[in-house]
Protein backbone atom coordinates (compact mmCIF):
# COMPACT_ATOMS: atom_id res chain seq x y z
CA GLY A 1 10.06 -2.41 -8.76
CA TYR A 2 6.74 -3.05 -10.29
CA PRO A 3 5.45 -1.25 -13.62
CA GLN A 4 3.78 1.87 -13.16
CA ASP A 5 0.77 0.53 -15.31
CA ILE A 6 -0.19 -1.47 -12.28
CA TYR A 7 -0.76 1.43 -9.82
CA ARG A 8 -2.60 3.40 -12.79
CA ARG A 9 -4.97 0.29 -13.15
CA ILE A 10 -5.47 0.22 -9.40
CA VAL A 11 -6.18 3.97 -9.10
CA GLU A 12 -8.51 3.91 -12.38
CA PHE A 13 -10.40 0.75 -10.60
CA TYR A 14 -10.70 2.57 -7.23
CA PHE A 15 -12.15 5.73 -8.62
CA ASP A 16 -14.27 3.94 -11.38
CA LYS A 17 -12.57 6.30 -13.96
CA PRO A 18 -11.36 4.94 -17.13
CA ASN A 19 -8.43 7.40 -17.39
CA ILE A 20 -5.99 8.17 -14.51
CA ASN A 21 -5.76 11.97 -15.89
CA GLU A 22 -9.28 12.49 -15.03
CA ILE A 23 -8.46 11.65 -11.07
CA ASN A 24 -7.38 14.79 -9.41
CA GLN A 25 -7.69 13.10 -5.73
CA LYS A 26 -5.92 10.59 -3.78
CA ILE A 27 -7.02 7.38 -2.11
CA PRO A 28 -7.46 8.17 1.64
CA LEU A 29 -5.72 5.02 3.42
CA ALA A 30 -4.11 2.01 1.66
CA LEU A 31 -2.69 -0.98 3.77
CA ASP A 32 0.22 -3.04 1.93
CA VAL A 33 0.31 -6.22 3.22
CA ALA A 34 3.71 -8.42 3.34
CA CYS A 35 5.27 -5.12 2.22
CA GLY A 36 8.91 -6.52 2.46
CA SER A 37 11.10 -3.56 2.15
CA GLY A 38 8.61 -1.28 0.66
CA GLN A 39 8.78 -1.75 -3.13
CA ALA A 40 5.10 -1.21 -3.66
CA THR A 41 4.50 0.64 -0.59
CA VAL A 42 6.84 3.39 -1.87
CA ASP A 43 5.01 3.49 -5.30
CA LEU A 44 1.58 3.46 -3.98
CA SER A 45 2.45 6.66 -1.65
CA SER A 46 2.13 8.83 -4.67
CA TYR A 47 -1.33 7.81 -5.19
CA CYS A 48 -2.45 7.92 -1.72
CA ASP A 49 -2.80 10.49 1.23
CA GLN A 50 -1.34 7.58 3.70
CA VAL A 51 0.02 4.07 3.26
CA ILE A 52 0.71 1.55 5.92
CA GLY A 53 2.90 -1.21 5.02
CA ILE A 54 2.94 -4.46 7.27
CA ASP A 55 5.46 -7.14 7.16
CA GLY A 56 6.18 -10.10 9.67
CA SER A 57 10.02 -9.53 9.32
CA GLU A 58 11.60 -6.62 11.44
CA ASN A 59 14.73 -6.96 8.96
CA GLN A 60 12.78 -6.47 5.70
CA LEU A 61 11.14 -3.40 7.34
CA LYS A 62 14.46 -2.11 8.42
CA GLU A 63 15.38 -1.93 4.83
CA ALA A 64 12.33 -0.18 3.82
CA THR A 65 12.23 3.26 2.13
CA THR A 66 10.58 6.05 4.01
CA ARG A 67 8.04 8.84 3.02
CA ASP A 68 6.19 11.39 5.09
CA ASN A 69 3.06 9.51 4.37
CA ILE A 70 4.02 6.04 5.03
CA GLU A 71 3.89 3.80 8.52
CA TYR A 72 5.55 0.64 8.81
CA ARG A 73 4.50 -2.15 11.26
CA CYS A 74 5.81 -5.26 11.97
CA SER A 75 2.59 -7.44 11.89
CA VAL A 76 1.08 -10.33 9.97
CA ALA A 77 -1.85 -10.23 7.96
CA GLU A 78 -3.82 -12.19 10.26
CA ASP A 79 -3.54 -9.66 13.08
CA LEU A 80 -4.79 -6.08 12.03
CA SER A 81 -5.93 -5.37 15.29
CA PHE A 82 -4.10 -2.08 15.36
CA LEU A 83 -6.62 -0.72 12.72
CA PRO A 84 -9.99 0.44 13.64
CA SER A 85 -12.86 -1.34 11.79
CA ASN A 86 -13.73 -0.02 8.38
CA SER A 87 -10.67 2.52 8.26
CA ILE A 88 -9.00 1.02 5.13
CA ASP A 89 -9.84 2.27 1.73
CA LEU A 90 -7.61 -0.16 -0.20
CA VAL A 91 -5.71 -3.49 0.56
CA THR A 92 -2.63 -4.41 -1.78
CA VAL A 93 -0.48 -7.48 -1.71
CA ALA A 94 2.38 -7.33 -4.17
CA THR A 95 4.20 -10.84 -4.65
CA ALA A 96 3.64 -12.30 -1.43
CA LEU A 97 0.44 -14.50 -1.64
CA HIS A 98 2.80 -17.54 -2.06
CA TRP A 99 4.18 -16.99 1.49
């Protein structure tokens, strides 16, 4: 997994607050690109109302941990046509940029 400090910093940046303890709401909708088996997606789900994890590999998605507020889709980052315009509040990419 990833250090929880990463998610704290993302939430603080998103809400423009210097301390996560001052934040009593969640990010409405996040997109986790190239989510693999969902390590970052699951952690993000604690801070978001809804998270969509996308990955180009069905095999990776079959291994993903599920949560009520997570939706996984087999899709590549170049094709987000399943999303309405301006619908995503946060986009994350954990360790997939090298792909």
